[in-house]
Amino acid sequence: MTSVDAHDPADVSPRAWRLLRVAAGYGQRDVERELADIRQAHVSMLEGGSRGLSRGRRRELFALYAAELSDDQVRVIVEHF
């Protein structure tokens, strides 16, 4: 089971979202170039805890980050932050 299948993006904390992005090597603006309809402001609000993305967009974003990380890295970030 991959980290994308093992974790529900709805359960990822704002801090973990930021750590996943940074660990995967993405800046907030980089995400705009990688995923259609997700803007830097969406990422910023998700990481700040002030607003979430739709379930589908969170799953897409989670998969983007997880593709750059090992399953263990994702697990540690999601479970401990």
C-alpha atoms as a PDB file:
ATOM      1  CA  MET A   1       0.000   0.000   0.000  1.00  0.00           C
ATOM      2  CA  THR A   2       1.464   3.364  -0.982  1.00  0.00           C
ATOM      3  CA  SER A   3       1.404   6.423   1.231  1.00  0.00           C
ATOM      4  CA  VAL A   4      -1.267   7.953  -1.011  1.00  0.00           C
ATOM      5  CA  ASP A   5      -3.561   4.995  -0.330  1.00  0.00           C
ATOM      6  CA  ALA A   6      -2.639   4.680   3.346  1.00  0.00           C
ATOM      7  CA  HIS A   7      -3.456   8.242   4.413  1.00  0.00           C
ATOM      8  CA  ASP A   8      -6.576  10.331   4.058  1.00  0.00           C
ATOM      9  CA  PRO A   9      -5.569  13.866   2.992  1.00  0.00           C
ATOM     10  CA  ALA A  10      -8.483  15.176   5.071  1.00  0.00           C
ATOM     11  CA  ASP A  11      -6.561  14.078   8.176  1.00  0.00           C
ATOM     12  CA  VAL A  12      -3.333  15.922   7.277  1.00  0.00           C
ATOM     13  CA  SER A  13      -2.664  18.891   9.564  1.00  0.00           C
ATOM     14  CA  PRO A  14      -1.828  22.340   8.176  1.00  0.00           C
ATOM     15  CA  ARG A  15       1.735  22.003   9.491  1.00  0.00           C
ATOM     16  CA  ALA A  16       2.133  18.602   7.849  1.00  0.00           C
ATOM     17  CA  TRP A  17       0.902  20.020   4.524  1.00  0.00           C
ATOM     18  CA  ARG A  18       3.691  22.606   4.655  1.00  0.00           C
ATOM     19  CA  LEU A  19       6.311  20.040   5.637  1.00  0.00           C
ATOM     20  CA  LEU A  20       5.217  17.691   2.849  1.00  0.00           C
ATOM     21  CA  ARG A  21       5.476  20.499   0.284  1.00  0.00           C
ATOM     22  CA  VAL A  22       8.903  21.619   1.435  1.00  0.00           C
ATOM     23  CA  ALA A  23      10.251  18.061   1.768  1.00  0.00           C
ATOM     24  CA  ALA A  24       9.017  17.308  -1.760  1.00  0.00           C
ATOM     25  CA  GLY A  25      10.943  20.334  -3.026  1.00  0.00           C
ATOM     26  CA  TYR A  26       8.005  22.506  -4.059  1.00  0.00           C
ATOM     27  CA  GLY A  27       7.524  26.202  -3.492  1.00  0.00           C
ATOM     28  CA  GLN A  28       3.937  27.428  -3.316  1.00  0.00           C
ATOM     29  CA  ARG A  29       4.221  28.916  -6.812  1.00  0.00           C
ATOM     30  CA  ASP A  30       5.622  25.632  -8.153  1.00  0.00           C
ATOM     31  CA  VAL A  31       2.375  23.921  -7.194  1.00  0.00           C
ATOM     32  CA  GLU A  32       0.476  26.312  -9.489  1.00  0.00           C
ATOM     33  CA  ARG A  33       2.539  25.096 -12.436  1.00  0.00           C
ATOM     34  CA  GLU A  34       2.069  21.422 -11.564  1.00  0.00           C
ATOM     35  CA  LEU A  35      -1.645  21.245 -10.778  1.00  0.00           C
ATOM     36  CA  ALA A  36      -4.449  22.905 -12.698  1.00  0.00           C
ATOM     37  CA  ASP A  37      -6.850  25.025 -10.664  1.00  0.00           C
ATOM     38  CA  ILE A  38      -4.679  25.110  -7.541  1.00  0.00           C
ATOM     39  CA  ARG A  39      -3.162  28.495  -6.809  1.00  0.00           C
ATOM     40  CA  GLN A  40      -0.541  29.696  -4.380  1.00  0.00           C
ATOM     41  CA  ALA A  41      -3.301  31.249  -2.273  1.00  0.00           C
ATOM     42  CA  HIS A  42      -5.028  27.851  -1.938  1.00  0.00           C
ATOM     43  CA  VAL A  43      -1.800  26.257  -0.741  1.00  0.00           C
ATOM     44  CA  SER A  44      -1.162  29.118   1.673  1.00  0.00           C
ATOM     45  CA  MET A  45      -4.651  28.880   3.185  1.00  0.00           C
ATOM     46  CA  LEU A  46      -4.440  25.082   3.464  1.00  0.00           C
ATOM     47  CA  GLU A  47      -1.098  25.336   5.248  1.00  0.00           C
ATOM     48  CA  GLY A  48      -2.371  28.132   7.467  1.00  0.00           C
ATOM     49  CA  GLY A  49      -5.434  26.160   8.507  1.00  0.00           C
ATOM     50  CA  SER A  50      -7.784  28.934   7.463  1.00  0.00           C
ATOM     51  CA  ARG A  51      -9.379  27.060   4.582  1.00  0.00           C
ATOM     52  CA  GLY A  52      -9.228  23.660   2.964  1.00  0.00           C
ATOM     53  CA  LEU A  53      -9.362  22.473  -0.592  1.00  0.00           C
ATOM     54  CA  SER A  54     -11.959  20.083  -1.933  1.00  0.00           C
ATOM     55  CA  ARG A  55     -11.366  16.410  -1.219  1.00  0.00           C
ATOM     56  CA  GLY A  56     -10.292  15.782  -4.824  1.00  0.00           C
ATOM     57  CA  ARG A  57      -7.849  18.671  -4.871  1.00  0.00           C
ATOM     58  CA  ARG A  58      -6.328  17.636  -1.538  1.00  0.00           C
ATOM     59  CA  ARG A  59      -5.875  14.094  -2.851  1.00  0.00           C
ATOM     60  CA  GLU A  60      -4.239  15.437  -6.034  1.00  0.00           C
ATOM     61  CA  LEU A  61      -1.924  17.683  -4.015  1.00  0.00           C
ATOM     62  CA  PHE A  62      -1.068  14.864  -1.613  1.00  0.00           C
ATOM     63  CA  ALA A  63      -0.211  12.580  -4.539  1.00  0.00           C
ATOM     64  CA  LEU A  64       2.032  15.274  -6.048  1.00  0.00           C
ATOM     65  CA  TYR A  65       4.024  15.593  -2.834  1.00  0.00           C
ATOM     66  CA  ALA A  66       4.074  11.854  -2.099  1.00  0.00           C
ATOM     67  CA  ALA A  67       5.511  11.107  -5.545  1.00  0.00           C
ATOM     68  CA  GLU A  68       8.677  12.940  -4.519  1.00  0.00           C
ATOM     69  CA  LEU A  69       9.012  11.299  -1.087  1.00  0.00           C
ATOM     70  CA  SER A  70       9.416   7.799   0.279  1.00  0.00           C
ATOM     71  CA  ASP A  71       6.446   6.176   1.947  1.00  0.00           C
ATOM     72  CA  ASP A  72       8.308   6.390   5.269  1.00  0.00           C
ATOM     73  CA  GLN A  73       8.883  10.128   4.866  1.00  0.00           C
ATOM     74  CA  VAL A  74       5.203  10.719   4.169  1.00  0.00           C
ATOM     75  CA  ARG A  75       4.137   8.512   7.073  1.00  0.00           C
ATOM     76  CA  VAL A  76       6.408  10.276   9.563  1.00  0.00           C
ATOM     77  CA  ILE A  77       5.316  13.757   8.495  1.00  0.00           C
ATOM     78  CA  VAL A  78       1.596  12.930   8.464  1.00  0.00           C
ATOM     79  CA  GLU A  79       1.614  10.972  11.716  1.00  0.00           C
ATOM     80  CA  HIS A  80       3.906  13.222  13.767  1.00  0.00           C
ATOM     81  CA  PHE A  81       3.032  16.701  12.584  1.00  0.00           C
END
